[in-house]
Structures are given as C-alpha cells and as structure tokens.
Amino acid sequence: MTTWTFITNHGSVLALIAHNTEITAREIASQLGITERSVHRIISDLEREGYITRQRSGRVNRYKVNHDLPLRRHYQKETVVGHLLDVLGPRVEAE
C-alpha cells in the first residue's frame, strides 16, 4: 500500500475550504488524516500568502478563497488557484 498522494496537504486543505467555507480545522484534520495542529499551520500559511482570508463570525471562522492567485511553482505561474480547484471539486461561492 502506498502512502503518497498527488495533492499536497496544502492543496487538499485549500480544496476542502473552497468546498465548505465554514469547515473547521477538526473536520479538515479528520478528512485528511492529519493533526489539527498541522491544519492550523497550513491555514496560517495559506492566509499569510493571500490564498485565503479568514473572518470570524461568532464562534465560527468563515473563509474566502482567492481564486485568482497563481500556483506557487515557477513553472505553474500561468495557472491560477481557481483552475486547480475546479478540477478538484465544486466550489462554494461567497454570499
């Protein structure tokens, strides 16, 4: 049984957030089989680089994905995040 995947944890977290803008770190961790601490670190990375913004709504975080930013690898700069997310699954539009 192999343990590697095609999509990194960062990409997977971003895809889950794009699909459910109110998903919790605990839910993400459970779905991906990683720790909540790792999810929090990844969310911080994505937020720091501008791929997501986080807004607190009561006790819940609501996320917004910036679909227009390019992927990070130099040879993928022509591809924006939104194109990748379209391939990975349906997105939820912000209200």
Protein backbone atom coordinates (compact mmCIF):
# COMPACT_ATOMS: atom_id res chain seq x y z
CA MET A 1 0.00 0.00 0.00
CA THR A 2 1.40 3.38 -0.98
CA THR A 3 1.30 6.38 1.33
CA TRP A 4 1.88 9.24 -1.11
CA THR A 5 -0.79 11.34 -2.80
CA PHE A 6 -0.89 13.59 -5.85
CA ILE A 7 -2.16 16.66 -3.99
CA THR A 8 -0.22 18.10 -1.05
CA ASN A 9 -1.85 18.75 2.31
CA HIS A 10 -1.85 22.47 1.49
CA GLY A 11 -3.76 21.81 -1.74
CA SER A 12 -6.15 19.44 -0.01
CA VAL A 13 -6.89 21.90 2.80
CA LEU A 14 -7.48 24.65 0.25
CA ALA A 15 -9.85 22.41 -1.74
CA LEU A 16 -11.85 21.49 1.38
CA ILE A 17 -12.12 25.16 2.38
CA ALA A 18 -13.23 26.09 -1.15
CA HIS A 19 -15.91 23.40 -0.96
CA ASN A 20 -17.11 24.37 2.54
CA THR A 21 -16.26 27.91 3.66
CA GLU A 22 -17.22 27.17 7.28
CA ILE A 23 -15.37 23.87 7.69
CA THR A 24 -13.49 23.52 10.98
CA ALA A 25 -9.87 22.56 11.44
CA ARG A 26 -11.05 19.44 13.26
CA GLU A 27 -13.20 18.40 10.29
CA ILE A 28 -10.34 19.03 7.88
CA ALA A 29 -7.93 17.03 10.03
CA SER A 30 -10.38 14.15 10.22
CA GLN A 31 -10.98 14.07 6.48
CA LEU A 32 -7.28 14.26 5.59
CA GLY A 33 -5.94 12.06 8.38
CA ILE A 34 -3.56 14.73 9.68
CA THR A 35 -3.37 16.54 13.00
CA GLU A 36 -5.39 19.63 13.85
CA ARG A 37 -2.11 21.40 14.60
CA SER A 38 -0.96 20.70 11.03
CA VAL A 39 -4.24 22.05 9.68
CA HIS A 40 -3.87 25.26 11.70
CA ARG A 41 -0.31 25.69 10.38
CA ILE A 42 -1.46 25.13 6.79
CA ILE A 43 -4.36 27.58 7.18
CA SER A 44 -1.90 30.16 8.54
CA ASP A 45 0.41 29.56 5.56
CA LEU A 46 -2.46 29.95 3.08
CA GLU A 47 -3.70 33.08 4.82
CA ARG A 48 -0.23 34.65 5.03
CA GLU A 49 0.30 34.15 1.28
CA GLY A 50 -3.14 35.56 0.43
CA TYR A 51 -4.74 32.36 -0.84
CA ILE A 52 -7.46 32.59 1.80
CA THR A 53 -8.88 35.20 4.13
CA ARG A 54 -10.44 34.31 7.43
CA GLN A 55 -13.32 36.17 9.02
CA ARG A 56 -14.63 35.36 12.46
CA SER A 57 -18.41 35.01 12.64
CA GLY A 58 -19.36 34.35 16.26
CA ARG A 59 -17.60 31.12 17.18
CA VAL A 60 -17.10 30.06 13.57
CA ASN A 61 -14.45 31.01 11.04
CA ARG A 62 -15.67 31.78 7.55
CA TYR A 63 -13.08 31.50 4.81
CA LYS A 64 -12.87 33.10 1.40
CA VAL A 65 -10.55 31.69 -1.24
CA ASN A 66 -8.70 33.99 -3.64
CA HIS A 67 -9.24 32.08 -6.89
CA ASP A 68 -7.10 34.49 -8.92
CA LEU A 69 -3.67 33.90 -7.35
CA PRO A 70 -1.21 31.81 -9.37
CA LEU A 71 0.13 28.48 -8.18
CA ARG A 72 3.45 28.78 -6.38
CA ARG A 73 5.83 26.71 -8.52
CA HIS A 74 7.66 28.82 -11.10
CA TYR A 75 6.58 26.60 -14.00
CA GLN A 76 2.91 26.77 -12.91
CA LYS A 77 2.62 30.55 -12.58
CA GLU A 78 0.25 30.66 -15.57
CA THR A 79 -2.31 28.54 -13.68
CA VAL A 80 -4.48 30.23 -11.07
CA VAL A 81 -5.77 28.53 -7.94
CA GLY A 82 -9.35 28.65 -9.23
CA HIS A 83 -8.44 26.41 -12.17
CA LEU A 84 -6.94 23.81 -9.84
CA LEU A 85 -9.94 23.97 -7.51
CA ASP A 86 -12.31 23.49 -10.46
CA VAL A 87 -10.58 20.20 -11.16
CA LEU A 88 -10.57 19.11 -7.52
CA GLY A 89 -14.27 19.67 -6.89
CA PRO A 90 -17.15 22.10 -6.72
CA ARG A 91 -16.63 25.45 -5.05
CA VAL A 92 -18.93 27.37 -2.78
CA GLU A 93 -19.39 30.99 -3.79
CA ALA A 94 -19.22 33.60 -1.03
CA GLU A 95 -22.50 35.19 -0.14
